[in-house]
PDB file of N, CA and C in Angstrom:
ATOM      1  N   UNK A   1      73.601  92.106  82.695  1.00  0.00           N
ATOM      2  CA  UNK A   1      73.426  93.245  81.827  1.00  0.00           C
ATOM      3  C   UNK A   1      74.540  94.247  82.088  1.00  0.00           C
ATOM      4  N   UNK A   2      74.906  95.006  81.052  1.00  0.00           N
ATOM      5  CA  UNK A   2      75.929  96.023  81.219  1.00  0.00           C
ATOM      6  C   UNK A   2      75.735  97.121  80.189  1.00  0.00           C
ATOM      7  N   UNK A   3      76.420  98.237  80.427  1.00  0.00           N
ATOM      8  CA  UNK A   3      76.498  99.308  79.450  1.00  0.00           C
ATOM      9  C   UNK A   3      77.809 100.035  79.680  1.00  0.00           C
ATOM     10  N   UNK A   4      78.281 100.736  78.666  1.00  0.00           N
ATOM     11  CA  UNK A   4      79.567 101.421  78.713  1.00  0.00           C
ATOM     12  C   UNK A   4      79.337 102.919  78.821  1.00  0.00           C
ATOM     13  N   UNK A   5      80.114 103.556  79.699  1.00  0.00           N
ATOM     14  CA  UNK A   5      80.087 105.013  79.819  1.00  0.00           C
ATOM     15  C   UNK A   5      81.367 105.542  79.184  1.00  0.00           C
ATOM     16  N   UNK A   6      81.240 106.339  78.121  1.00  0.00           N
ATOM     17  CA  UNK A   6      82.393 106.927  77.431  1.00  0.00           C
ATOM     18  C   UNK A   6      82.479 108.396  77.826  1.00  0.00           C
ATOM     19  N   UNK A   7      83.648 108.795  78.353  1.00  0.00           N
ATOM     20  CA  UNK A   7      83.851 110.172  78.793  1.00  0.00           C
ATOM     21  C   UNK A   7      84.835 110.862  77.866  1.00  0.00           C
ATOM     22  N   UNK A   8      84.466 112.039  77.361  1.00  0.00           N
ATOM     23  CA  UNK A   8      85.329 112.825  76.473  1.00  0.00           C
ATOM     24  C   UNK A   8      86.267 113.688  77.313  1.00  0.00           C
ATOM     25  N   UNK A   9      87.293 114.245  76.659  1.00  0.00           N
ATOM     26  CA  UNK A   9      88.278 115.089  77.329  1.00  0.00           C
ATOM     27  C   UNK A   9      87.640 116.322  77.964  1.00  0.00           C
ATOM     28  N   UNK A  10      86.542 116.805  77.408  1.00  0.00           N
ATOM     29  CA  UNK A  10      85.884 118.001  77.954  1.00  0.00           C
ATOM     30  C   UNK A  10      84.949 117.677  79.123  1.00  0.00           C
ATOM     31  N   UNK A  11      84.886 116.410  79.519  1.00  0.00           N
ATOM     32  CA  UNK A  11      84.056 116.007  80.647  1.00  0.00           C
ATOM     33  C   UNK A  11      82.674 115.518  80.272  1.00  0.00           C
ATOM     34  N   UNK A  12      82.270 115.700  79.031  1.00  0.00           N
ATOM     35  CA  UNK A  12      80.962 115.199  78.610  1.00  0.00           C
ATOM     36  C   UNK A  12      81.021 113.675  78.492  1.00  0.00           C
ATOM     37  N   UNK A  13      79.877 113.044  78.600  1.00  0.00           N
ATOM     38  CA  UNK A  13      79.863 111.587  78.524  1.00  0.00           C
ATOM     39  C   UNK A  13      78.596 111.090  77.850  1.00  0.00           C
ATOM     40  N   UNK A  14      78.678 109.837  77.382  1.00  0.00           N
ATOM     41  CA  UNK A  14      77.556 109.151  76.747  1.00  0.00           C
ATOM     42  C   UNK A  14      77.530 107.723  77.262  1.00  0.00           C
ATOM     43  N   UNK A  15      76.328 107.159  77.333  1.00  0.00           N
ATOM     44  CA  UNK A  15      76.170 105.757  77.693  1.00  0.00           C
ATOM     45  C   UNK A  15      75.784 104.953  76.458  1.00  0.00           C
ATOM     46  N   UNK A  16      76.315 103.738  76.381  1.00  0.00           N
ATOM     47  CA  UNK A  16      75.911 102.842  75.303  1.00  0.00           C
ATOM     48  C   UNK A  16      74.545 102.257  75.640  1.00  0.00           C
ATOM     49  N   UNK A  17      73.990 101.534  74.687  1.00  0.00           N
ATOM     50  CA  UNK A  17      72.745 100.810  74.942  1.00  0.00           C
ATOM     51  C   UNK A  17      73.028  99.690  75.941  1.00  0.00           C
ATOM     52  N   UNK A  18      72.038  99.297  76.693  1.00  0.00           N
ATOM     53  CA  UNK A  18      72.181  98.201  77.645  1.00  0.00           C
ATOM     54  C   UNK A  18      72.267  96.898  76.863  1.00  0.00           C
ATOM     55  N   UNK A  19      73.227  96.065  77.230  1.00  0.00           N
ATOM     56  CA  UNK A  19      73.425  94.788  76.547  1.00  0.00           C
ATOM     57  C   UNK A  19      73.371  93.658  77.568  1.00  0.00           C
ATOM     58  N   UNK A  20      72.949  92.512  77.116  1.00  0.00           N
ATOM     59  CA  UNK A  20      72.883  91.333  77.970  1.00  0.00           C
ATOM     60  C   UNK A  20      74.112  90.478  77.713  1.00  0.00           C
ATOM     61  N   UNK A  21      74.741  90.042  78.783  1.00  0.00           N
ATOM     62  CA  UNK A  21      75.905  89.176  78.683  1.00  0.00           C
ATOM     63  C   UNK A  21      75.436  87.733  78.729  1.00  0.00           C
ATOM     64  N   UNK A  22      75.705  86.995  77.665  1.00  0.00           N
ATOM     65  CA  UNK A  22      75.350  85.584  77.627  1.00  0.00           C
ATOM     66  C   UNK A  22      76.575  84.775  77.977  1.00  0.00           C
ATOM     67  N   UNK A  23      76.477  83.954  78.979  1.00  0.00           N
ATOM     68  CA  UNK A  23      77.608  83.138  79.382  1.00  0.00           C
ATOM     69  C   UNK A  23      77.494  82.766  80.839  1.00  0.00           C
ATOM     70  N   UNK A  24      78.561  82.213  81.356  1.00  0.00           N
ATOM     71  CA  UNK A  24      78.582  81.781  82.738  1.00  0.00           C
ATOM     72  C   UNK A  24      78.898  82.961  83.646  1.00  0.00           C
ATOM     73  N   UNK A  25      78.246  83.000  84.793  1.00  0.00           N
ATOM     74  CA  UNK A  25      78.437  84.103  85.729  1.00  0.00           C
ATOM     75  C   UNK A  25      79.620  83.871  86.661  1.00  0.00           C
ATOM     76  N   UNK A  26      80.187  82.683  86.682  1.00  0.00           N
ATOM     77  CA  UNK A  26      81.282  82.371  87.589  1.00  0.00           C
ATOM     78  C   UNK A  26      82.577  83.033  87.151  1.00  0.00           C
ATOM     79  N   UNK A  27      83.465  83.207  88.114  1.00  0.00           N
ATOM     80  CA  UNK A  27      84.760  83.791  87.809  1.00  0.00           C
ATOM     81  C   UNK A  27      85.796  83.241  88.772  1.00  0.00           C
ATOM     82  N   UNK A  28      87.043  83.484  88.463  1.00  0.00           N
ATOM     83  CA  UNK A  28      88.134  83.100  89.337  1.00  0.00           C
ATOM     84  C   UNK A  28      88.388  84.267  90.284  1.00  0.00           C
ATOM     85  N   UNK A  29      88.348  84.023  91.576  1.00  0.00           N
ATOM     86  CA  UNK A  29      88.683  85.046  92.555  1.00  0.00           C
ATOM     87  C   UNK A  29      90.135  84.830  92.957  1.00  0.00           C
ATOM     88  N   UNK A  30      90.940  85.918  92.964  1.00  0.00           N
ATOM     89  CA  UNK A  30      92.329  85.742  93.321  1.00  0.00           C
ATOM     90  C   UNK A  30      92.833  86.838  94.239  1.00  0.00           C
ATOM     91  N   UNK A  31      93.891  86.488  94.973  1.00  0.00           N
ATOM     92  CA  UNK A  31      94.568  87.408  95.876  1.00  0.00           C
ATOM     93  C   UNK A  31      96.069  87.213  95.673  1.00  0.00           C
ATOM     94  N   UNK A  32      96.807  88.319  95.497  1.00  0.00           N
ATOM     95  CA  UNK A  32      98.251  88.260  95.268  1.00  0.00           C
ATOM     96  C   UNK A  32      98.980  88.790  96.496  1.00  0.00           C
ATOM     97  N   UNK A  33      99.987  88.065  96.967  1.00  0.00           N
ATOM     98  CA  UNK A  33     100.781  88.527  98.102  1.00  0.00           C
ATOM     99  C   UNK A  33     102.135  87.839  98.096  1.00  0.00           C
ATOM    100  N   UNK A  34     103.178  88.396  98.711  1.00  0.00           N
ATOM    101  CA  UNK A  34     103.208  89.767  99.221  1.00  0.00           C
ATOM    102  C   UNK A  34     103.231  90.751  98.056  1.00  0.00           C
ATOM    103  N   UNK A  35     102.845  91.950  98.308  1.00  0.00           N
ATOM    104  CA  UNK A  35     102.816  92.970  97.258  1.00  0.00           C
ATOM    105  C   UNK A  35     103.237  94.295  97.885  1.00  0.00           C
ATOM    106  N   UNK A  36     104.455  94.760  97.631  1.00  0.00           N
ATOM    107  CA  UNK A  36     105.411  94.316  96.614  1.00  0.00           C
ATOM    108  C   UNK A  36     106.066  92.976  96.963  1.00  0.00           C
ATOM    109  N   UNK A  37     106.550  92.317  95.918  1.00  0.00           N
ATOM    110  CA  UNK A  37     107.136  90.987  96.029  1.00  0.00           C
ATOM    111  C   UNK A  37     108.633  91.061  95.739  1.00  0.00           C
ATOM    112  N   UNK A  38     109.395  90.149  96.338  1.00  0.00           N
ATOM    113  CA  UNK A  38     110.831  90.070  96.073  1.00  0.00           C
ATOM    114  C   UNK A  38     111.153  88.941  95.088  1.00  0.00           C
ATOM    115  N   UNK A  39     110.837  87.700  95.484  1.00  0.00           N
ATOM    116  CA  UNK A  39     111.216  86.574  94.633  1.00  0.00           C
ATOM    117  C   UNK A  39     110.093  85.575  94.373  1.00  0.00           C
ATOM    118  N   UNK A  40     109.187  85.392  95.325  1.00  0.00           N
ATOM    119  CA  UNK A  40     108.134  84.391  95.195  1.00  0.00           C
ATOM    120  C   UNK A  40     106.772  85.053  95.387  1.00  0.00           C
ATOM    121  N   UNK A  41     105.935  85.029  94.349  1.00  0.00           N
ATOM    122  CA  UNK A  41     104.593  85.597  94.418  1.00  0.00           C
ATOM    123  C   UNK A  41     103.603  84.485  94.731  1.00  0.00           C
ATOM    124  N   UNK A  42     102.822  84.671  95.774  1.00  0.00           N
ATOM    125  CA  UNK A  42     101.770  83.721  96.128  1.00  0.00           C
ATOM    126  C   UNK A  42     100.467  84.195  95.505  1.00  0.00           C
ATOM    127  N   UNK A  43      99.796  83.279  94.818  1.00  0.00           N
ATOM    128  CA  UNK A  43      98.528  83.584  94.160  1.00  0.00           C
ATOM    129  C   UNK A  43      97.480  82.650  94.750  1.00  0.00           C
ATOM    130  N   UNK A  44      96.617  83.196  95.581  1.00  0.00           N
ATOM    131  CA  UNK A  44      95.531  82.426  96.184  1.00  0.00           C
ATOM    132  C   UNK A  44      94.322  82.575  95.283  1.00  0.00           C
ATOM    133  N   UNK A  45      93.756  81.440  94.829  1.00  0.00           N
ATOM    134  CA  UNK A  45      92.605  81.529  93.942  1.00  0.00           C
ATOM    135  C   UNK A  45      91.551  80.503  94.277  1.00  0.00           C
ATOM    136  N   UNK A  46      90.346  80.855  93.948  1.00  0.00           N
ATOM    137  CA  UNK A  46      89.214  79.955  94.090  1.00  0.00           C
ATOM    138  C   UNK A  46      88.598  79.819  92.710  1.00  0.00           C
ATOM    139  N   UNK A  47      88.665  78.624  92.182  1.00  0.00           N
ATOM    140  CA  UNK A  47      88.212  78.366  90.817  1.00  0.00           C
ATOM    141  C   UNK A  47      87.000  77.457  90.858  1.00  0.00           C
ATOM    142  N   UNK A  48      85.901  77.841  90.239  1.00  0.00           N
ATOM    143  CA  UNK A  48      84.672  77.064  90.352  1.00  0.00           C
ATOM    144  C   UNK A  48      84.640  75.739  89.595  1.00  0.00           C
ATOM    145  N   UNK A  49      85.543  75.495  88.667  1.00  0.00           N
ATOM    146  CA  UNK A  49      85.544  74.225  87.940  1.00  0.00           C
ATOM    147  C   UNK A  49      86.966  73.714  87.785  1.00  0.00           C
ATOM    148  N   UNK A  50      87.089  72.409  87.554  1.00  0.00           N
ATOM    149  CA  UNK A  50      88.390  71.814  87.291  1.00  0.00           C
ATOM    150  C   UNK A  50      88.730  72.032  85.834  1.00  0.00           C
ATOM    151  N   UNK A  51      89.995  72.300  85.550  1.00  0.00           N
ATOM    152  CA  UNK A  51      90.375  72.458  84.158  1.00  0.00           C
ATOM    153  C   UNK A  51      91.773  72.989  83.999  1.00  0.00           C
ATOM    154  N   UNK A  52      92.147  73.234  82.775  1.00  0.00           N
ATOM    155  CA  UNK A  52      93.461  73.754  82.431  1.00  0.00           C
ATOM    156  C   UNK A  52      93.529  75.230  82.807  1.00  0.00           C
ATOM    157  N   UNK A  53      94.503  75.583  83.614  1.00  0.00           N
ATOM    158  CA  UNK A  53      94.680  76.962  84.034  1.00  0.00           C
ATOM    159  C   UNK A  53      95.972  77.495  83.437  1.00  0.00           C
ATOM    160  N   UNK A  54      95.926  78.683  82.851  1.00  0.00           N
ATOM    161  CA  UNK A  54      97.114  79.322  82.287  1.00  0.00           C
ATOM    162  C   UNK A  54      97.349  80.649  82.999  1.00  0.00           C
ATOM    163  N   UNK A  55      98.626  80.929  83.301  1.00  0.00           N
ATOM    164  CA  UNK A  55      99.014  82.188  83.936  1.00  0.00           C
ATOM    165  C   UNK A  55      99.926  82.945  82.981  1.00  0.00           C
ATOM    166  N   UNK A  56      99.721  84.269  82.917  1.00  0.00           N
ATOM    167  CA  UNK A  56     100.564  85.110  82.066  1.00  0.00           C
ATOM    168  C   UNK A  56     100.850  86.408  82.815  1.00  0.00           C
ATOM    169  N   UNK A  57     102.127  86.815  82.817  1.00  0.00           N
ATOM    170  CA  UNK A  57     102.531  88.071  83.446  1.00  0.00           C
ATOM    171  C   UNK A  57     103.027  89.003  82.353  1.00  0.00           C
ATOM    172  N   UNK A  58     102.496  90.236  82.369  1.00  0.00           N
ATOM    173  CA  UNK A  58     102.844  91.251  81.375  1.00  0.00           C
ATOM    174  C   UNK A  58     103.440  92.441  82.114  1.00  0.00           C
ATOM    175  N   UNK A  59     104.530  93.006  81.572  1.00  0.00           N
ATOM    176  CA  UNK A  59     105.141  94.174  82.204  1.00  0.00           C
ATOM    177  C   UNK A  59     104.435  95.453  81.777  1.00  0.00           C
ATOM    178  N   UNK A  60     104.921  96.588  82.268  1.00  0.00           N
ATOM    179  CA  UNK A  60     104.262  97.868  81.981  1.00  0.00           C
ATOM    180  C   UNK A  60     104.392  98.288  80.525  1.00  0.00           C
ATOM    181  N   UNK A  61     105.266  97.630  79.756  1.00  0.00           N
ATOM    182  CA  UNK A  61     105.414  97.911  78.326  1.00  0.00           C
ATOM    183  C   UNK A  61     104.512  97.021  77.476  1.00  0.00           C
ATOM    184  N   UNK A  62     103.787  96.104  78.131  1.00  0.00           N
ATOM    185  CA  UNK A  62     102.901  95.202  77.411  1.00  0.00           C
ATOM    186  C   UNK A  62     103.566  93.928  76.935  1.00  0.00           C
ATOM    187  N   UNK A  63     104.810  93.686  77.355  1.00  0.00           N
ATOM    188  CA  UNK A  63     105.530  92.483  76.935  1.00  0.00           C
ATOM    189  C   UNK A  63     105.250  91.337  77.902  1.00  0.00           C
ATOM    190  N   UNK A  64     105.010  90.155  77.353  1.00  0.00           N
ATOM    191  CA  UNK A  64     104.815  88.973  78.180  1.00  0.00           C
ATOM    192  C   UNK A  64     106.178  88.561  78.725  1.00  0.00           C
ATOM    193  N   UNK A  65     106.299  88.514  80.060  1.00  0.00           N
ATOM    194  CA  UNK A  65     107.574  88.191  80.691  1.00  0.00           C
ATOM    195  C   UNK A  65     107.548  86.843  81.397  1.00  0.00           C
ATOM    196  N   UNK A  66     106.364  86.230  81.494  1.00  0.00           N
ATOM    197  CA  UNK A  66     106.243  84.946  82.180  1.00  0.00           C
ATOM    198  C   UNK A  66     104.963  84.260  81.712  1.00  0.00           C
ATOM    199  N   UNK A  67     105.053  82.947  81.454  1.00  0.00           N
ATOM    200  CA  UNK A  67     103.872  82.147  81.109  1.00  0.00           C
ATOM    201  C   UNK A  67     103.992  80.793  81.767  1.00  0.00           C
ATOM    202  N   UNK A  68     102.862  80.268  82.224  1.00  0.00           N
ATOM    203  CA  UNK A  68     102.835  78.939  82.815  1.00  0.00           C
ATOM    204  C   UNK A  68     101.446  78.357  82.622  1.00  0.00           C
ATOM    205  N   UNK A  69     101.371  77.059  82.352  1.00  0.00           N
ATOM    206  CA  UNK A  69     100.071  76.400  82.271  1.00  0.00           C
ATOM    207  C   UNK A  69     100.160  75.068  82.991  1.00  0.00           C
ATOM    208  N   UNK A  70      99.040  74.556  83.435  1.00  0.00           N
ATOM    209  CA  UNK A  70      99.017  73.282  84.144  1.00  0.00           C
ATOM    210  C   UNK A  70      97.617  72.978  84.626  1.00  0.00           C
ATOM    211  N   UNK A  71      97.415  71.785  85.133  1.00  0.00           N
ATOM    212  CA  UNK A  71      96.109  71.382  85.649  1.00  0.00           C
ATOM    213  C   UNK A  71      95.936  71.958  87.049  1.00  0.00           C
ATOM    214  N   UNK A  72      94.766  72.510  87.301  1.00  0.00           N
ATOM    215  CA  UNK A  72      94.463  73.100  88.596  1.00  0.00           C
ATOM    216  C   UNK A  72      93.141  72.529  89.083  1.00  0.00           C
ATOM    217  N   UNK A  73      93.088  72.102  90.311  1.00  0.00           N
ATOM    218  CA  UNK A  73      91.868  71.514  90.855  1.00  0.00           C
ATOM    219  C   UNK A  73      90.856  72.577  91.235  1.00  0.00           C
ATOM    220  N   UNK A  74      89.590  72.198  91.250  1.00  0.00           N
ATOM    221  CA  UNK A  74      88.525  73.122  91.652  1.00  0.00           C
ATOM    222  C   UNK A  74      88.642  73.422  93.145  1.00  0.00           C
ATOM    223  N   UNK A  75      88.137  74.569  93.538  1.00  0.00           N
ATOM    224  CA  UNK A  75      88.160  74.961  94.943  1.00  0.00           C
ATOM    225  C   UNK A  75      89.239  75.980  95.221  1.00  0.00           C
ATOM    226  N   UNK A  76      89.717  75.998  96.451  1.00  0.00           N
ATOM    227  CA  UNK A  76      90.734  76.964  96.856  1.00  0.00           C
ATOM    228  C   UNK A  76      92.118  76.406  96.555  1.00  0.00           C
ATOM    229  N   UNK A  77      92.963  77.196  95.909  1.00  0.00           N
ATOM    230  CA  UNK A  77      94.290  76.749  95.513  1.00  0.00           C
ATOM    231  C   UNK A  77      95.305  77.850  95.755  1.00  0.00           C
ATOM    232  N   UNK A  78      96.565  77.456  95.978  1.00  0.00           N
ATOM    233  CA  UNK A  78      97.649  78.406  96.160  1.00  0.00           C
ATOM    234  C   UNK A  78      98.727  78.097  95.139  1.00  0.00           C
ATOM    235  N   UNK A  79      99.004  79.051  94.259  1.00  0.00           N
ATOM    236  CA  UNK A  79     100.071  78.918  93.275  1.00  0.00           C
ATOM    237  C   UNK A  79     101.256  79.743  93.735  1.00  0.00           C
ATOM    238  N   UNK A  80     102.460  79.242  93.511  1.00  0.00           N
ATOM    239  CA  UNK A  80     103.684  79.977  93.804  1.00  0.00           C
ATOM    240  C   UNK A  80     104.368  80.274  92.479  1.00  0.00           C
ATOM    241  N   UNK A  81     104.549  81.553  92.168  1.00  0.00           N
ATOM    242  CA  UNK A  81     105.216  81.958  90.934  1.00  0.00           C
ATOM    243  C   UNK A  81     106.553  82.579  91.280  1.00  0.00           C
ATOM    244  N   UNK A  82     107.624  82.059  90.686  1.00  0.00           N
ATOM    245  CA  UNK A  82     108.948  82.631  90.890  1.00  0.00           C
ATOM    246  C   UNK A  82     109.102  83.858  90.005  1.00  0.00           C
ATOM    247  N   UNK A  83     109.315  85.011  90.632  1.00  0.00           N
ATOM    248  CA  UNK A  83     109.470  86.265  89.892  1.00  0.00           C
ATOM    249  C   UNK A  83     110.830  86.903  90.181  1.00  0.00           C
ATOM    250  N   UNK A  84     111.764  86.113  90.735  1.00  0.00           N
ATOM    251  CA  UNK A  84     113.084  86.634  91.099  1.00  0.00           C
ATOM    252  C   UNK A  84     113.821  87.202  89.892  1.00  0.00           C
ATOM    253  N   UNK A  85     113.588  86.643  88.712  1.00  0.00           N
ATOM    254  CA  UNK A  85     114.285  87.070  87.498  1.00  0.00           C
ATOM    255  C   UNK A  85     113.750  88.379  86.917  1.00  0.00           C
ATOM    256  N   UNK A  86     112.609  88.836  87.394  1.00  0.00           N
ATOM    257  CA  UNK A  86     112.003  90.053  86.840  1.00  0.00           C
ATOM    258  C   UNK A  86     112.651  91.301  87.429  1.00  0.00           C
ATOM    259  N   UNK A  87     112.876  92.331  86.603  1.00  0.00           N
ATOM    260  CA  UNK A  87     113.382  93.600  87.136  1.00  0.00           C
ATOM    261  C   UNK A  87     112.286  94.330  87.916  1.00  0.00           C
ATOM    262  N   UNK A  88     112.680  95.330  88.682  1.00  0.00           N
ATOM    263  CA  UNK A  88     111.699  96.115  89.424  1.00  0.00           C
ATOM    264  C   UNK A  88     110.713  96.750  88.459  1.00  0.00           C
ATOM    265  N   UNK A  89     109.450  96.789  88.852  1.00  0.00           N
ATOM    266  CA  UNK A  89     108.428  97.385  88.003  1.00  0.00           C
ATOM    267  C   UNK A  89     107.046  96.952  88.434  1.00  0.00           C
ATOM    268  N   UNK A  90     106.061  97.330  87.637  1.00  0.00           N
ATOM    269  CA  UNK A  90     104.665  96.975  87.870  1.00  0.00           C
ATOM    270  C   UNK A  90     104.253  95.941  86.830  1.00  0.00           C
ATOM    271  N   UNK A  91     103.541  94.918  87.271  1.00  0.00           N
ATOM    272  CA  UNK A  91     103.174  93.808  86.402  1.00  0.00           C
ATOM    273  C   UNK A  91     101.693  93.486  86.538  1.00  0.00           C
ATOM    274  N   UNK A  92     101.142  92.893  85.475  1.00  0.00           N
ATOM    275  CA  UNK A  92      99.745  92.456  85.445  1.00  0.00           C
ATOM    276  C   UNK A  92      99.737  90.943  85.266  1.00  0.00           C
ATOM    277  N   UNK A  93      99.102  90.236  86.190  1.00  0.00           N
ATOM    278  CA  UNK A  93      98.948  88.789  86.109  1.00  0.00           C
ATOM    279  C   UNK A  93      97.550  88.481  85.589  1.00  0.00           C
ATOM    280  N   UNK A  94      97.470  87.616  84.578  1.00  0.00           N
ATOM    281  CA  UNK A  94      96.179  87.166  84.052  1.00  0.00           C
ATOM    282  C   UNK A  94      96.114  85.652  84.165  1.00  0.00           C
ATOM    283  N   UNK A  95      95.044  85.161  84.766  1.00  0.00           N
ATOM    284  CA  UNK A  95      94.789  83.730  84.863  1.00  0.00           C
ATOM    285  C   UNK A  95      93.566  83.416  84.026  1.00  0.00           C
ATOM    286  N   UNK A  96      93.644  82.364  83.221  1.00  0.00           N
ATOM    287  CA  UNK A  96      92.500  81.961  82.406  1.00  0.00           C
ATOM    288  C   UNK A  96      92.295  80.459  82.502  1.00  0.00           C
ATOM    289  N   UNK A  97      91.052  80.064  82.359  1.00  0.00           N
ATOM    290  CA  UNK A  97      90.669  78.660  82.332  1.00  0.00           C
ATOM    291  C   UNK A  97      89.874  78.470  81.053  1.00  0.00           C
ATOM    292  N   UNK A  98      90.548  78.119  79.984  1.00  0.00           N
ATOM    293  CA  UNK A  98      89.880  77.999  78.693  1.00  0.00           C
ATOM    294  C   UNK A  98      89.332  79.347  78.281  1.00  0.00           C
ATOM    295  N   UNK A  99      88.129  79.362  77.767  1.00  0.00           N
ATOM    296  CA  UNK A  99      87.502  80.626  77.380  1.00  0.00           C
ATOM    297  C   UNK A  99      86.410  81.030  78.358  1.00  0.00           C
ATOM    298  N   UNK A 100      86.233  80.270  79.447  1.00  0.00           N
ATOM    299  CA  UNK A 100      85.140  80.522  80.378  1.00  0.00           C
ATOM    300  C   UNK A 100      85.479  81.480  81.510  1.00  0.00           C
ATOM    301  N   UNK A 101      86.714  81.461  82.018  1.00  0.00           N
ATOM    302  CA  UNK A 101      87.056  82.213  83.211  1.00  0.00           C
ATOM    303  C   UNK A 101      88.346  82.997  83.023  1.00  0.00           C
ATOM    304  N   UNK A 102      88.341  84.241  83.491  1.00  0.00           N
ATOM    305  CA  UNK A 102      89.532  85.081  83.456  1.00  0.00           C
ATOM    306  C   UNK A 102      89.579  85.915  84.725  1.00  0.00           C
ATOM    307  N   UNK A 103      90.774  86.055  85.300  1.00  0.00           N
ATOM    308  CA  UNK A 103      90.966  86.926  86.458  1.00  0.00           C
ATOM    309  C   UNK A 103      92.294  87.641  86.284  1.00  0.00           C
ATOM    310  N   UNK A 104      92.351  88.889  86.719  1.00  0.00           N
ATOM    311  CA  UNK A 104      93.584  89.661  86.618  1.00  0.00           C
ATOM    312  C   UNK A 104      93.897  90.315  87.954  1.00  0.00           C
ATOM    313  N   UNK A 105      95.166  90.560  88.160  1.00  0.00           N
ATOM    314  CA  UNK A 105      95.630  91.259  89.349  1.00  0.00           C
ATOM    315  C   UNK A 105      96.968  91.898  89.054  1.00  0.00           C
ATOM    316  N   UNK A 106      97.282  92.944  89.777  1.00  0.00           N
ATOM    317  CA  UNK A 106      98.544  93.657  89.584  1.00  0.00           C
ATOM    318  C   UNK A 106      99.454  93.434  90.780  1.00  0.00           C
ATOM    319  N   UNK A 107     100.765  93.465  90.513  1.00  0.00           N
ATOM    320  CA  UNK A 107     101.734  93.400  91.601  1.00  0.00           C
ATOM    321  C   UNK A 107     102.950  94.233  91.245  1.00  0.00           C
ATOM    322  N   UNK A 108     103.698  94.588  92.272  1.00  0.00           N
ATOM    323  CA  UNK A 108     104.896  95.412  92.131  1.00  0.00           C
ATOM    324  C   UNK A 108     106.084  94.609  92.611  1.00  0.00           C
ATOM    325  N   UNK A 109     107.188  94.733  91.883  1.00  0.00           N
ATOM    326  CA  UNK A 109     108.432  94.094  92.313  1.00  0.00           C
ATOM    327  C   UNK A 109     109.456  95.165  92.533  1.00  0.00           C
TER     328      UNK A 109
END
């Protein structure tokens, strides 16, 4: 179950109605290191099912600067992403497994 809290500029707030989330409760847990990174970003993840995993990196302007997809086994996994070509900045990494699982993390280069 969840609900949204909307806060106005004057500090007042409202809550939405409580809604039930229908779907799987599992998620991808991830850890990014080193952070800040120089050339190689290590992504440690634990994925509850086997399947197609896609990675996408977006810069602070919202532009996709890196994409990768491939088969990833269930359990604990370590991905190495080469980010040497990226300029200094803040980035958002999103990992997805079909439409069932999504995980995000931020890193600095």
